Amino acid sequence: MDVLLLSVGVGAVPAFLEESLPDAGSPVRIAYVDDAAAPFTEEAFVSDEREQLAGLGYELRDVTAGRLTPEDLLAVLDEVDAVYVAGGHTFVLLHALRSSGADQVLLEAVRGGLPYIGASAGAVVAGPSTEPISLMDDPGQVPELTDLTGLGLVGDVVVPHADGNLAPYPAAVIGKVVETYDADFPLVLLPDDHALIYRDGARHMVDSP
């Protein structure tokens, strides 16, 4: 599996995709999964994230996975070169994926070779559990979500915005996550200008301005 997990910056995306997709055509086609942004449609970061990615020259196909049947999502993923799961609310995203069956479709596609890029919430759900992020995003916003298990694409619970520079997640909140959960979960702190690459059984942290 090839997995790239981002906090905010998308600077690591081109090199990651060039290595993951050496024979891809141009432009590279990416399924842009936007479910996590549902509570934030008026927030600037929603359009900013998409525009940053589009500005790199990729052909984006917008996907709200929670509104698709598993068969329809599979058809979309069969037509793209990579999948990008965008940021927003971790538990809104997890609920959308699980309640629609998109979680299993994504798992099978990524395990089958489709590169996965997850930003913020999209990075969190790639891990084994989202529970530690309950101090950053409120799971009570989705009361019907009772299982906080992640996709399990990687073995780490990624804590994005770990430098505490993003207003909703100050250093005190990040510190509380570590204090509360570090003993029980394999936390990896991810600053906003870095990214994590998982490839060939290894994990690397790289710059991602």
N, C-alpha and C. Protein backbone atom coordinates (compact mmCIF):
# COMPACT_ATOMS: atom_id res chain seq x y z
N MET A 1 0.83 -1.20 0.00
CA MET A 1 0.00 0.00 0.00
C MET A 1 0.87 1.24 0.00
N ASP A 2 0.40 2.26 -0.69
CA ASP A 2 1.04 3.57 -0.68
C ASP A 2 0.08 4.55 -0.03
N VAL A 3 0.49 5.13 1.09
CA VAL A 3 -0.37 6.02 1.87
C VAL A 3 0.40 7.29 2.21
N LEU A 4 -0.22 8.43 1.96
CA LEU A 4 0.34 9.73 2.33
C LEU A 4 -0.64 10.43 3.25
N LEU A 5 -0.19 10.81 4.44
CA LEU A 5 -1.05 11.47 5.41
C LEU A 5 -0.54 12.89 5.66
N LEU A 6 -1.43 13.85 5.47
CA LEU A 6 -1.10 15.27 5.56
C LEU A 6 -1.80 15.89 6.75
N SER A 7 -1.29 17.04 7.18
CA SER A 7 -1.96 17.83 8.19
C SER A 7 -2.68 19.00 7.52
N VAL A 8 -1.93 19.87 6.85
CA VAL A 8 -2.52 20.98 6.10
C VAL A 8 -1.89 21.10 4.72
N GLY A 9 -0.57 21.26 4.67
CA GLY A 9 0.10 21.50 3.40
C GLY A 9 0.05 20.31 2.46
N VAL A 10 -0.04 20.60 1.15
CA VAL A 10 -0.10 19.54 0.14
C VAL A 10 1.21 19.41 -0.62
N GLY A 11 2.27 20.05 -0.13
CA GLY A 11 3.52 20.06 -0.86
C GLY A 11 4.15 18.70 -1.10
N ALA A 12 3.81 17.71 -0.26
CA ALA A 12 4.38 16.37 -0.43
C ALA A 12 3.64 15.55 -1.47
N VAL A 13 2.52 16.04 -1.96
CA VAL A 13 1.69 15.24 -2.86
C VAL A 13 2.39 14.91 -4.19
N PRO A 14 2.98 15.88 -4.90
CA PRO A 14 3.55 15.55 -6.21
C PRO A 14 4.61 14.46 -6.17
N ALA A 15 5.58 14.56 -5.26
CA ALA A 15 6.63 13.54 -5.20
C ALA A 15 6.06 12.18 -4.84
N PHE A 16 5.08 12.18 -3.92
CA PHE A 16 4.45 10.92 -3.52
C PHE A 16 3.78 10.25 -4.72
N LEU A 17 3.01 11.02 -5.49
CA LEU A 17 2.30 10.43 -6.62
C LEU A 17 3.25 10.05 -7.75
N GLU A 18 4.30 10.81 -7.94
CA GLU A 18 5.27 10.45 -8.98
C GLU A 18 5.90 9.09 -8.69
N GLU A 19 6.17 8.84 -7.42
CA GLU A 19 6.78 7.55 -7.05
C GLU A 19 5.74 6.44 -7.04
N SER A 20 4.52 6.76 -6.63
CA SER A 20 3.47 5.75 -6.55
C SER A 20 2.92 5.38 -7.92
N LEU A 21 2.94 6.35 -8.85
CA LEU A 21 2.29 6.18 -10.16
C LEU A 21 3.27 6.52 -11.28
N PRO A 22 4.34 5.76 -11.41
CA PRO A 22 5.35 6.11 -12.43
C PRO A 22 4.83 6.03 -13.86
N ASP A 23 3.77 5.26 -14.08
CA ASP A 23 3.26 5.08 -15.44
C ASP A 23 1.92 5.77 -15.66
N ALA A 24 1.52 6.64 -14.73
CA ALA A 24 0.22 7.31 -14.87
C ALA A 24 0.25 8.31 -16.01
N GLY A 25 -0.92 8.48 -16.63
CA GLY A 25 -1.05 9.47 -17.68
C GLY A 25 -1.10 10.87 -17.09
N SER A 26 -1.28 11.83 -17.95
CA SER A 26 -1.38 13.22 -17.51
C SER A 26 -2.66 13.83 -18.05
N PRO A 27 -3.46 14.49 -17.21
CA PRO A 27 -3.21 14.71 -15.78
C PRO A 27 -3.57 13.49 -14.95
N VAL A 28 -2.96 13.39 -13.77
CA VAL A 28 -3.32 12.35 -12.82
C VAL A 28 -4.74 12.61 -12.32
N ARG A 29 -5.54 11.56 -12.30
CA ARG A 29 -6.95 11.67 -11.89
C ARG A 29 -7.09 11.27 -10.42
N ILE A 30 -7.73 12.14 -9.65
CA ILE A 30 -7.86 11.92 -8.21
C ILE A 30 -9.33 12.02 -7.80
N ALA A 31 -9.81 11.02 -7.06
CA ALA A 31 -11.13 11.10 -6.44
C ALA A 31 -10.99 11.92 -5.17
N TYR A 32 -11.70 13.05 -5.11
CA TYR A 32 -11.60 13.98 -3.99
C TYR A 32 -12.80 13.75 -3.08
N VAL A 33 -12.59 13.08 -1.95
CA VAL A 33 -13.67 12.68 -1.05
C VAL A 33 -13.88 13.79 -0.02
N ASP A 34 -15.08 14.39 -0.07
CA ASP A 34 -15.31 15.63 0.69
C ASP A 34 -16.25 15.49 1.89
N ASP A 35 -16.56 14.27 2.32
CA ASP A 35 -17.56 14.07 3.37
C ASP A 35 -17.24 14.80 4.66
N ALA A 36 -15.97 14.91 5.02
CA ALA A 36 -15.60 15.52 6.30
C ALA A 36 -15.95 17.00 6.38
N ALA A 37 -16.12 17.63 5.23
CA ALA A 37 -16.37 19.07 5.20
C ALA A 37 -17.83 19.44 5.41
N ALA A 38 -18.70 18.47 5.54
CA ALA A 38 -20.15 18.74 5.61
C ALA A 38 -20.52 19.78 6.66
N PRO A 39 -19.92 19.79 7.86
CA PRO A 39 -20.32 20.81 8.85
C PRO A 39 -19.71 22.19 8.58
N PHE A 40 -18.85 22.30 7.57
CA PHE A 40 -18.06 23.52 7.41
C PHE A 40 -18.19 24.12 6.01
N THR A 41 -19.34 23.99 5.38
CA THR A 41 -19.47 24.40 3.98
C THR A 41 -19.18 25.87 3.76
N GLU A 42 -19.35 26.71 4.79
CA GLU A 42 -19.09 28.15 4.64
C GLU A 42 -17.66 28.53 5.03
N GLU A 43 -16.88 27.58 5.49
CA GLU A 43 -15.52 27.89 5.93
C GLU A 43 -14.56 27.93 4.75
N ALA A 44 -13.64 28.89 4.78
CA ALA A 44 -12.71 29.08 3.67
C ALA A 44 -11.81 27.89 3.45
N PHE A 45 -11.46 27.17 4.53
CA PHE A 45 -10.50 26.08 4.37
C PHE A 45 -11.02 24.98 3.45
N VAL A 46 -12.34 24.86 3.33
CA VAL A 46 -12.92 23.80 2.49
C VAL A 46 -12.54 24.03 1.03
N SER A 47 -12.78 25.24 0.54
CA SER A 47 -12.42 25.53 -0.85
C SER A 47 -10.90 25.65 -1.01
N ASP A 48 -10.23 26.16 0.03
CA ASP A 48 -8.78 26.32 -0.06
C ASP A 48 -8.09 24.98 -0.28
N GLU A 49 -8.53 23.96 0.45
CA GLU A 49 -7.88 22.66 0.33
C GLU A 49 -8.02 22.11 -1.07
N ARG A 50 -9.24 22.21 -1.60
CA ARG A 50 -9.46 21.70 -2.96
C ARG A 50 -8.66 22.50 -3.99
N GLU A 51 -8.65 23.81 -3.83
CA GLU A 51 -7.94 24.67 -4.78
C GLU A 51 -6.43 24.42 -4.76
N GLN A 52 -5.89 24.15 -3.57
CA GLN A 52 -4.47 23.84 -3.48
C GLN A 52 -4.15 22.58 -4.28
N LEU A 53 -4.97 21.59 -4.15
CA LEU A 53 -4.74 20.33 -4.86
C LEU A 53 -4.93 20.51 -6.36
N ALA A 54 -6.00 21.19 -6.74
CA ALA A 54 -6.24 21.44 -8.18
C ALA A 54 -5.12 22.27 -8.77
N GLY A 55 -4.57 23.18 -7.96
CA GLY A 55 -3.49 24.03 -8.45
C GLY A 55 -2.22 23.28 -8.79
N LEU A 56 -2.12 22.05 -8.34
CA LEU A 56 -0.97 21.21 -8.67
C LEU A 56 -1.14 20.53 -10.03
N GLY A 57 -2.30 20.76 -10.66
CA GLY A 57 -2.50 20.25 -12.02
C GLY A 57 -3.23 18.93 -12.12
N TYR A 58 -3.81 18.47 -11.03
CA TYR A 58 -4.51 17.19 -11.06
C TYR A 58 -5.96 17.36 -11.53
N GLU A 59 -6.48 16.31 -12.10
CA GLU A 59 -7.89 16.28 -12.50
C GLU A 59 -8.68 15.69 -11.33
N LEU A 60 -9.50 16.52 -10.69
CA LEU A 60 -10.22 16.08 -9.51
C LEU A 60 -11.64 15.66 -9.86
N ARG A 61 -12.05 14.55 -9.29
CA ARG A 61 -13.44 14.13 -9.39
C ARG A 61 -14.04 14.21 -7.99
N ASP A 62 -14.96 15.13 -7.78
CA ASP A 62 -15.55 15.32 -6.46
C ASP A 62 -16.46 14.16 -6.09
N VAL A 63 -16.26 13.65 -4.89
CA VAL A 63 -16.99 12.47 -4.41
C VAL A 63 -17.48 12.71 -2.99
N THR A 64 -18.77 12.59 -2.77
CA THR A 64 -19.32 12.52 -1.42
C THR A 64 -19.65 11.06 -1.18
N ALA A 65 -18.71 10.35 -0.59
CA ALA A 65 -18.79 8.89 -0.52
C ALA A 65 -20.03 8.42 0.21
N GLY A 66 -20.46 9.16 1.25
CA GLY A 66 -21.61 8.75 2.03
C GLY A 66 -22.91 8.77 1.27
N ARG A 67 -22.93 9.40 0.11
CA ARG A 67 -24.14 9.47 -0.70
C ARG A 67 -24.15 8.45 -1.83
N LEU A 68 -23.09 7.67 -1.93
CA LEU A 68 -22.98 6.69 -3.00
C LEU A 68 -23.19 5.28 -2.48
N THR A 69 -23.68 4.42 -3.34
CA THR A 69 -23.70 3.01 -3.00
C THR A 69 -22.28 2.47 -3.11
N PRO A 70 -21.97 1.37 -2.44
CA PRO A 70 -20.63 0.80 -2.59
C PRO A 70 -20.28 0.52 -4.05
N GLU A 71 -21.27 0.10 -4.83
CA GLU A 71 -21.02 -0.21 -6.23
C GLU A 71 -20.65 1.05 -7.01
N ASP A 72 -21.35 2.15 -6.72
CA ASP A 72 -21.06 3.40 -7.42
C ASP A 72 -19.70 3.96 -7.02
N LEU A 73 -19.36 3.85 -5.73
CA LEU A 73 -18.05 4.32 -5.30
C LEU A 73 -16.95 3.48 -5.94
N LEU A 74 -17.14 2.19 -6.00
CA LEU A 74 -16.15 1.32 -6.63
C LEU A 74 -15.94 1.71 -8.09
N ALA A 75 -17.04 2.03 -8.78
CA ALA A 75 -16.94 2.45 -10.18
C ALA A 75 -16.11 3.72 -10.31
N VAL A 76 -16.29 4.65 -9.37
CA VAL A 76 -15.50 5.88 -9.39
C VAL A 76 -14.02 5.57 -9.17
N LEU A 77 -13.74 4.76 -8.16
CA LEU A 77 -12.35 4.47 -7.83
C LEU A 77 -11.65 3.69 -8.93
N ASP A 78 -12.41 2.93 -9.69
CA ASP A 78 -11.83 2.19 -10.81
C ASP A 78 -11.38 3.11 -11.95
N GLU A 79 -11.87 4.36 -11.94
CA GLU A 79 -11.58 5.28 -13.03
C GLU A 79 -10.54 6.34 -12.67
N VAL A 80 -9.99 6.28 -11.46
CA VAL A 80 -9.02 7.29 -11.03
C VAL A 80 -7.68 6.63 -10.70
N ASP A 81 -6.68 7.50 -10.51
CA ASP A 81 -5.33 7.02 -10.22
C ASP A 81 -5.02 7.03 -8.73
N ALA A 82 -5.76 7.83 -7.95
CA ALA A 82 -5.52 7.94 -6.51
C ALA A 82 -6.78 8.48 -5.85
N VAL A 83 -6.84 8.35 -4.54
CA VAL A 83 -7.96 8.90 -3.77
C VAL A 83 -7.41 9.86 -2.72
N TYR A 84 -8.08 11.01 -2.59
CA TYR A 84 -7.70 12.02 -1.61
C TYR A 84 -8.90 12.23 -0.69
N VAL A 85 -8.72 11.92 0.60
CA VAL A 85 -9.79 12.09 1.58
C VAL A 85 -9.51 13.38 2.34
N ALA A 86 -10.36 14.38 2.11
CA ALA A 86 -10.10 15.73 2.57
C ALA A 86 -10.41 15.92 4.05
N GLY A 87 -10.00 17.08 4.56
CA GLY A 87 -10.15 17.39 5.97
C GLY A 87 -11.52 17.91 6.34
N GLY A 88 -11.70 18.13 7.64
CA GLY A 88 -12.98 18.57 8.18
C GLY A 88 -13.20 17.95 9.54
N HIS A 89 -14.36 17.35 9.72
CA HIS A 89 -14.72 16.75 11.01
C HIS A 89 -14.48 15.24 10.95
N THR A 90 -13.59 14.77 11.82
CA THR A 90 -13.19 13.36 11.80
C THR A 90 -14.37 12.42 11.93
N PHE A 91 -15.29 12.70 12.83
CA PHE A 91 -16.34 11.74 13.13
C PHE A 91 -17.50 11.82 12.13
N VAL A 92 -17.71 12.98 11.55
CA VAL A 92 -18.66 13.08 10.43
C VAL A 92 -18.15 12.24 9.26
N LEU A 93 -16.85 12.34 9.01
CA LEU A 93 -16.25 11.54 7.93
C LEU A 93 -16.36 10.05 8.21
N LEU A 94 -15.97 9.65 9.42
CA LEU A 94 -16.00 8.22 9.75
C LEU A 94 -17.41 7.67 9.64
N HIS A 95 -18.39 8.41 10.13
CA HIS A 95 -19.77 7.95 10.05
C HIS A 95 -20.23 7.82 8.60
N ALA A 96 -19.88 8.79 7.76
CA ALA A 96 -20.27 8.74 6.35
C ALA A 96 -19.68 7.50 5.67
N LEU A 97 -18.42 7.24 5.95
CA LEU A 97 -17.78 6.08 5.33
C LEU A 97 -18.38 4.77 5.81
N ARG A 98 -18.58 4.67 7.13
CA ARG A 98 -19.05 3.40 7.67
C ARG A 98 -20.52 3.14 7.34
N SER A 99 -21.36 4.16 7.46
CA SER A 99 -22.80 3.95 7.26
C SER A 99 -23.16 3.64 5.81
N SER A 100 -22.30 4.06 4.89
CA SER A 100 -22.58 3.82 3.46
C SER A 100 -21.88 2.59 2.91
N GLY A 101 -20.97 2.02 3.70
CA GLY A 101 -20.17 0.90 3.20
C GLY A 101 -18.95 1.35 2.42
N ALA A 102 -18.73 2.68 2.37
CA ALA A 102 -17.58 3.21 1.65
C ALA A 102 -16.26 2.80 2.31
N ASP A 103 -16.30 2.56 3.62
CA ASP A 103 -15.07 2.18 4.32
C ASP A 103 -14.48 0.91 3.74
N GLN A 104 -15.31 -0.09 3.50
CA GLN A 104 -14.82 -1.35 2.97
C GLN A 104 -14.36 -1.21 1.52
N VAL A 105 -15.07 -0.39 0.75
CA VAL A 105 -14.67 -0.16 -0.64
C VAL A 105 -13.29 0.50 -0.69
N LEU A 106 -13.11 1.51 0.17
CA LEU A 106 -11.81 2.18 0.22
C LEU A 106 -10.70 1.22 0.64
N LEU A 107 -10.97 0.44 1.68
CA LEU A 107 -9.98 -0.52 2.15
C LEU A 107 -9.52 -1.45 1.03
N GLU A 108 -10.48 -2.02 0.34
CA GLU A 108 -10.14 -2.98 -0.71
C GLU A 108 -9.39 -2.30 -1.84
N ALA A 109 -9.80 -1.08 -2.20
CA ALA A 109 -9.14 -0.38 -3.30
C ALA A 109 -7.70 -0.03 -2.95
N VAL A 110 -7.48 0.47 -1.74
CA VAL A 110 -6.13 0.87 -1.34
C VAL A 110 -5.24 -0.35 -1.16
N ARG A 111 -5.78 -1.39 -0.57
CA ARG A 111 -5.00 -2.62 -0.44
C ARG A 111 -4.71 -3.23 -1.81
N GLY A 112 -5.55 -2.91 -2.78
CA GLY A 112 -5.33 -3.40 -4.13
C GLY A 112 -4.39 -2.55 -4.95
N GLY A 113 -3.89 -1.46 -4.36
CA GLY A 113 -2.88 -0.66 -5.05
C GLY A 113 -3.22 0.79 -5.31
N LEU A 114 -4.44 1.23 -5.01
CA LEU A 114 -4.81 2.62 -5.23
C LEU A 114 -4.15 3.49 -4.16
N PRO A 115 -3.32 4.46 -4.54
CA PRO A 115 -2.69 5.33 -3.54
C PRO A 115 -3.74 6.12 -2.75
N TYR A 116 -3.54 6.22 -1.45
CA TYR A 116 -4.44 6.93 -0.55
C TYR A 116 -3.73 8.15 -0.01
N ILE A 117 -4.40 9.31 -0.14
CA ILE A 117 -3.91 10.55 0.46
C ILE A 117 -4.99 11.02 1.42
N GLY A 118 -4.64 11.23 2.67
CA GLY A 118 -5.60 11.71 3.66
C GLY A 118 -5.08 12.96 4.31
N ALA A 119 -5.94 13.98 4.40
CA ALA A 119 -5.54 15.24 5.02
C ALA A 119 -6.36 15.47 6.28
N SER A 120 -5.68 15.75 7.39
CA SER A 120 -6.33 16.06 8.66
C SER A 120 -7.31 14.94 9.04
N ALA A 121 -8.61 15.16 8.95
CA ALA A 121 -9.57 14.08 9.26
C ALA A 121 -9.31 12.86 8.40
N GLY A 122 -8.95 13.08 7.15
CA GLY A 122 -8.65 11.96 6.25
C GLY A 122 -7.42 11.19 6.67
N ALA A 123 -6.50 11.88 7.37
CA ALA A 123 -5.32 11.20 7.91
C ALA A 123 -5.69 10.41 9.17
N VAL A 124 -6.53 11.00 10.00
CA VAL A 124 -6.92 10.34 11.25
C VAL A 124 -7.64 9.03 10.98
N VAL A 125 -8.62 9.03 10.07
CA VAL A 125 -9.42 7.82 9.85
C VAL A 125 -8.61 6.70 9.21
N ALA A 126 -7.44 7.00 8.69
CA ALA A 126 -6.61 5.95 8.10
C ALA A 126 -6.02 5.03 9.16
N GLY A 127 -6.00 5.45 10.41
CA GLY A 127 -5.38 4.67 11.47
C GLY A 127 -6.31 3.67 12.11
N PRO A 128 -5.86 3.02 13.18
CA PRO A 128 -6.63 1.96 13.82
C PRO A 128 -7.78 2.47 14.69
N SER A 129 -7.69 3.71 15.17
CA SER A 129 -8.74 4.27 16.03
C SER A 129 -8.75 5.78 15.88
N THR A 130 -9.94 6.35 16.02
CA THR A 130 -10.08 7.81 16.02
C THR A 130 -10.35 8.35 17.42
N GLU A 131 -10.38 7.49 18.41
CA GLU A 131 -10.77 7.90 19.75
C GLU A 131 -9.94 9.07 20.30
N PRO A 132 -8.61 9.07 20.16
CA PRO A 132 -7.85 10.18 20.72
C PRO A 132 -8.24 11.55 20.16
N ILE A 133 -8.80 11.57 18.96
CA ILE A 133 -9.15 12.84 18.33
C ILE A 133 -10.47 13.37 18.87
N SER A 134 -11.10 12.62 19.78
CA SER A 134 -12.33 13.10 20.41
C SER A 134 -12.09 14.34 21.26
N LEU A 135 -10.83 14.65 21.57
CA LEU A 135 -10.52 15.88 22.28
C LEU A 135 -10.32 17.06 21.31
N MET A 136 -10.29 16.76 20.00
CA MET A 136 -10.12 17.80 18.99
C MET A 136 -11.41 18.03 18.21
N ASP A 137 -12.08 16.95 17.84
CA ASP A 137 -13.40 17.01 17.19
C ASP A 137 -14.39 16.30 18.10
N ASP A 138 -15.60 16.82 18.17
CA ASP A 138 -16.59 16.27 19.10
C ASP A 138 -17.35 15.11 18.45
N PRO A 139 -17.16 13.87 18.93
CA PRO A 139 -17.92 12.75 18.37
C PRO A 139 -19.41 12.87 18.64
N GLY A 140 -19.80 13.70 19.63
CA GLY A 140 -21.21 13.89 19.92
C GLY A 140 -21.97 14.54 18.79
N GLN A 141 -21.25 15.09 17.81
CA GLN A 141 -21.91 15.68 16.65
C GLN A 141 -22.56 14.60 15.79
N VAL A 142 -22.10 13.37 15.97
CA VAL A 142 -22.67 12.23 15.23
C VAL A 142 -23.02 11.17 16.27
N PRO A 143 -24.11 11.35 17.01
CA PRO A 143 -24.41 10.45 18.13
C PRO A 143 -24.65 9.01 17.70
N GLU A 144 -25.03 8.81 16.45
CA GLU A 144 -25.26 7.44 16.00
C GLU A 144 -23.97 6.67 15.75
N LEU A 145 -22.85 7.37 15.77
CA LEU A 145 -21.55 6.71 15.60
C LEU A 145 -21.06 6.22 16.96
N THR A 146 -21.06 4.94 17.16
CA THR A 146 -20.67 4.37 18.46
C THR A 146 -19.34 3.61 18.40
N ASP A 147 -18.88 3.30 17.21
CA ASP A 147 -17.62 2.58 17.04
C ASP A 147 -16.61 3.54 16.42
N LEU A 148 -15.55 3.86 17.15
CA LEU A 148 -14.57 4.84 16.68
C LEU A 148 -13.36 4.19 16.02
N THR A 149 -13.49 2.92 15.66
CA THR A 149 -12.42 2.23 14.94
C THR A 149 -12.19 2.88 13.58
N GLY A 150 -10.92 3.08 13.22
CA GLY A 150 -10.58 3.66 11.93
C GLY A 150 -10.47 2.61 10.84
N LEU A 151 -9.98 3.04 9.68
CA LEU A 151 -9.85 2.13 8.54
C LEU A 151 -8.74 1.10 8.74
N GLY A 152 -7.74 1.44 9.52
CA GLY A 152 -6.66 0.50 9.76
C GLY A 152 -5.70 0.36 8.60
N LEU A 153 -5.62 1.36 7.75
CA LEU A 153 -4.65 1.33 6.65
C LEU A 153 -3.23 1.42 7.18
N VAL A 154 -3.06 2.16 8.28
CA VAL A 154 -1.75 2.28 8.93
C VAL A 154 -1.93 1.93 10.40
N GLY A 155 -0.81 1.66 11.07
CA GLY A 155 -0.87 1.24 12.46
C GLY A 155 -0.82 2.37 13.46
N ASP A 156 -0.64 3.61 12.98
CA ASP A 156 -0.50 4.76 13.86
C ASP A 156 -1.80 5.55 13.96
N VAL A 157 -2.02 6.15 15.11
CA VAL A 157 -3.08 7.14 15.28
C VAL A 157 -2.43 8.51 15.05
N VAL A 158 -2.72 9.09 13.92
CA VAL A 158 -2.10 10.37 13.56
C VAL A 158 -2.83 11.52 14.25
N VAL A 159 -2.07 12.39 14.88
CA VAL A 159 -2.61 13.59 15.51
C VAL A 159 -2.18 14.78 14.64
N PRO A 160 -3.07 15.28 13.77
CA PRO A 160 -2.68 16.38 12.89
C PRO A 160 -2.62 17.71 13.65
N HIS A 161 -2.03 18.71 13.01
CA HIS A 161 -1.93 20.07 13.60
C HIS A 161 -1.19 20.04 14.93
N ALA A 162 -0.20 19.15 15.01
CA ALA A 162 0.44 18.86 16.29
C ALA A 162 1.33 19.99 16.78
N ASP A 163 1.64 20.98 15.92
CA ASP A 163 2.45 22.10 16.37
C ASP A 163 1.62 23.14 17.10
N GLY A 164 0.29 22.93 17.13
CA GLY A 164 -0.58 23.81 17.89
C GLY A 164 -0.75 25.20 17.32
N ASN A 165 -0.49 25.36 16.02
CA ASN A 165 -0.59 26.68 15.39
C ASN A 165 -1.94 26.94 14.75
N LEU A 166 -2.77 25.93 14.62
CA LEU A 166 -4.08 26.12 14.01
C LEU A 166 -5.09 26.46 15.11
N ALA A 167 -5.82 27.54 14.90
CA ALA A 167 -6.66 28.11 15.97
C ALA A 167 -7.55 27.12 16.71
N PRO A 168 -8.26 26.21 16.01
CA PRO A 168 -9.14 25.32 16.77
C PRO A 168 -8.39 24.30 17.62
N TYR A 169 -7.08 24.11 17.35
CA TYR A 169 -6.32 23.06 18.02
C TYR A 169 -5.04 23.64 18.61
N PRO A 170 -5.14 24.47 19.65
CA PRO A 170 -3.94 25.06 20.25
C PRO A 170 -3.07 24.00 20.93
N ALA A 171 -1.88 24.42 21.29
CA ALA A 171 -0.92 23.49 21.89
C ALA A 171 -1.48 22.81 23.13
N ALA A 172 -2.32 23.51 23.88
CA ALA A 172 -2.88 22.91 25.10
C ALA A 172 -3.77 21.71 24.76
N VAL A 173 -4.51 21.80 23.66
CA VAL A 173 -5.37 20.69 23.25
C VAL A 173 -4.52 19.51 22.80
N ILE A 174 -3.49 19.79 22.00
CA ILE A 174 -2.61 18.71 21.54
C ILE A 174 -1.94 18.05 22.74
N GLY A 175 -1.50 18.85 23.71
CA GLY A 175 -0.90 18.29 24.91
C GLY A 175 -1.85 17.40 25.68
N LYS A 176 -3.11 17.79 25.72
CA LYS A 176 -4.11 16.98 26.43
C LYS A 176 -4.34 15.65 25.72
N VAL A 177 -4.33 15.67 24.39
CA VAL A 177 -4.46 14.41 23.64
C VAL A 177 -3.33 13.46 24.01
N VAL A 178 -2.12 13.98 24.02
CA VAL A 178 -0.96 13.15 24.35
C VAL A 178 -1.05 12.65 25.78
N GLU A 179 -1.36 13.54 26.71
CA GLU A 179 -1.44 13.17 28.12
C GLU A 179 -2.49 12.09 28.36
N THR A 180 -3.62 12.19 27.66
CA THR A 180 -4.74 11.28 27.90
C THR A 180 -4.58 9.95 27.20
N TYR A 181 -3.98 9.95 26.01
CA TYR A 181 -4.06 8.76 25.17
C TYR A 181 -2.73 8.11 24.81
N ASP A 182 -1.62 8.76 25.10
CA ASP A 182 -0.34 8.23 24.61
C ASP A 182 -0.03 6.85 25.17
N ALA A 183 -0.47 6.55 26.37
CA ALA A 183 -0.15 5.26 26.97
C ALA A 183 -0.92 4.11 26.33
N ASP A 184 -2.04 4.42 25.70
CA ASP A 184 -2.91 3.36 25.20
C ASP A 184 -3.00 3.29 23.68
N PHE A 185 -2.51 4.31 22.98
CA PHE A 185 -2.61 4.34 21.53
C PHE A 185 -1.26 4.72 20.92
N PRO A 186 -0.97 4.19 19.72
CA PRO A 186 0.30 4.51 19.06
C PRO A 186 0.22 5.87 18.35
N LEU A 187 0.28 6.93 19.15
CA LEU A 187 0.13 8.28 18.60
C LEU A 187 1.37 8.69 17.80
N VAL A 188 1.13 9.37 16.68
CA VAL A 188 2.20 10.03 15.92
C VAL A 188 1.77 11.47 15.70
N LEU A 189 2.57 12.41 16.19
CA LEU A 189 2.24 13.82 16.09
C LEU A 189 2.70 14.34 14.73
N LEU A 190 1.77 14.98 14.01
CA LEU A 190 2.04 15.45 12.66
C LEU A 190 1.88 16.96 12.58
N PRO A 191 2.98 17.71 12.47
CA PRO A 191 2.89 19.17 12.33
C PRO A 191 2.25 19.56 11.00
N ASP A 192 1.81 20.82 10.93
CA ASP A 192 1.08 21.26 9.74
C ASP A 192 1.93 21.28 8.48
N ASP A 193 3.23 21.44 8.59
CA ASP A 193 4.07 21.53 7.39
C ASP A 193 4.85 20.25 7.11
N HIS A 194 4.34 19.15 7.63
CA HIS A 194 4.96 17.85 7.38
C HIS A 194 3.91 16.84 6.94
N ALA A 195 4.39 15.71 6.46
CA ALA A 195 3.50 14.63 6.03
C ALA A 195 4.15 13.29 6.37
N LEU A 196 3.33 12.27 6.42
CA LEU A 196 3.81 10.91 6.68
C LEU A 196 3.57 10.06 5.45
N ILE A 197 4.61 9.36 5.03
CA ILE A 197 4.50 8.42 3.92
C ILE A 197 4.66 7.00 4.46
N TYR A 198 3.72 6.14 4.12
CA TYR A 198 3.77 4.72 4.46
C TYR A 198 3.91 3.94 3.16
N ARG A 199 5.04 3.25 3.05
CA ARG A 199 5.31 2.52 1.81
C ARG A 199 6.27 1.38 2.13
N ASP A 200 5.98 0.21 1.59
CA ASP A 200 6.85 -0.96 1.76
C ASP A 200 7.12 -1.27 3.23
N GLY A 201 6.09 -1.10 4.07
CA GLY A 201 6.22 -1.46 5.47
C GLY A 201 6.99 -0.46 6.31
N ALA A 202 7.34 0.69 5.73
CA ALA A 202 8.11 1.69 6.46
C ALA A 202 7.33 3.00 6.53
N ARG A 203 7.66 3.80 7.54
CA ARG A 203 7.05 5.12 7.71
C ARG A 203 8.14 6.19 7.65
N HIS A 204 7.86 7.24 6.86
CA HIS A 204 8.80 8.34 6.75
C HIS A 204 8.05 9.65 6.95
N MET A 205 8.64 10.59 7.70
CA MET A 205 8.08 11.94 7.79
C MET A 205 8.85 12.84 6.86
N VAL A 206 8.13 13.60 6.05
CA VAL A 206 8.75 14.47 5.05
C VAL A 206 8.16 15.87 5.17
N ASP A 207 8.84 16.85 4.58
CA ASP A 207 8.31 18.20 4.53
C ASP A 207 7.10 18.25 3.61
N SER A 208 6.13 19.08 3.96
CA SER A 208 4.94 19.26 3.11
C SER A 208 4.41 20.67 3.30
N PRO A 209 5.11 21.65 2.73
CA PRO A 209 4.69 23.06 2.90
C PRO A 209 3.38 23.34 2.17
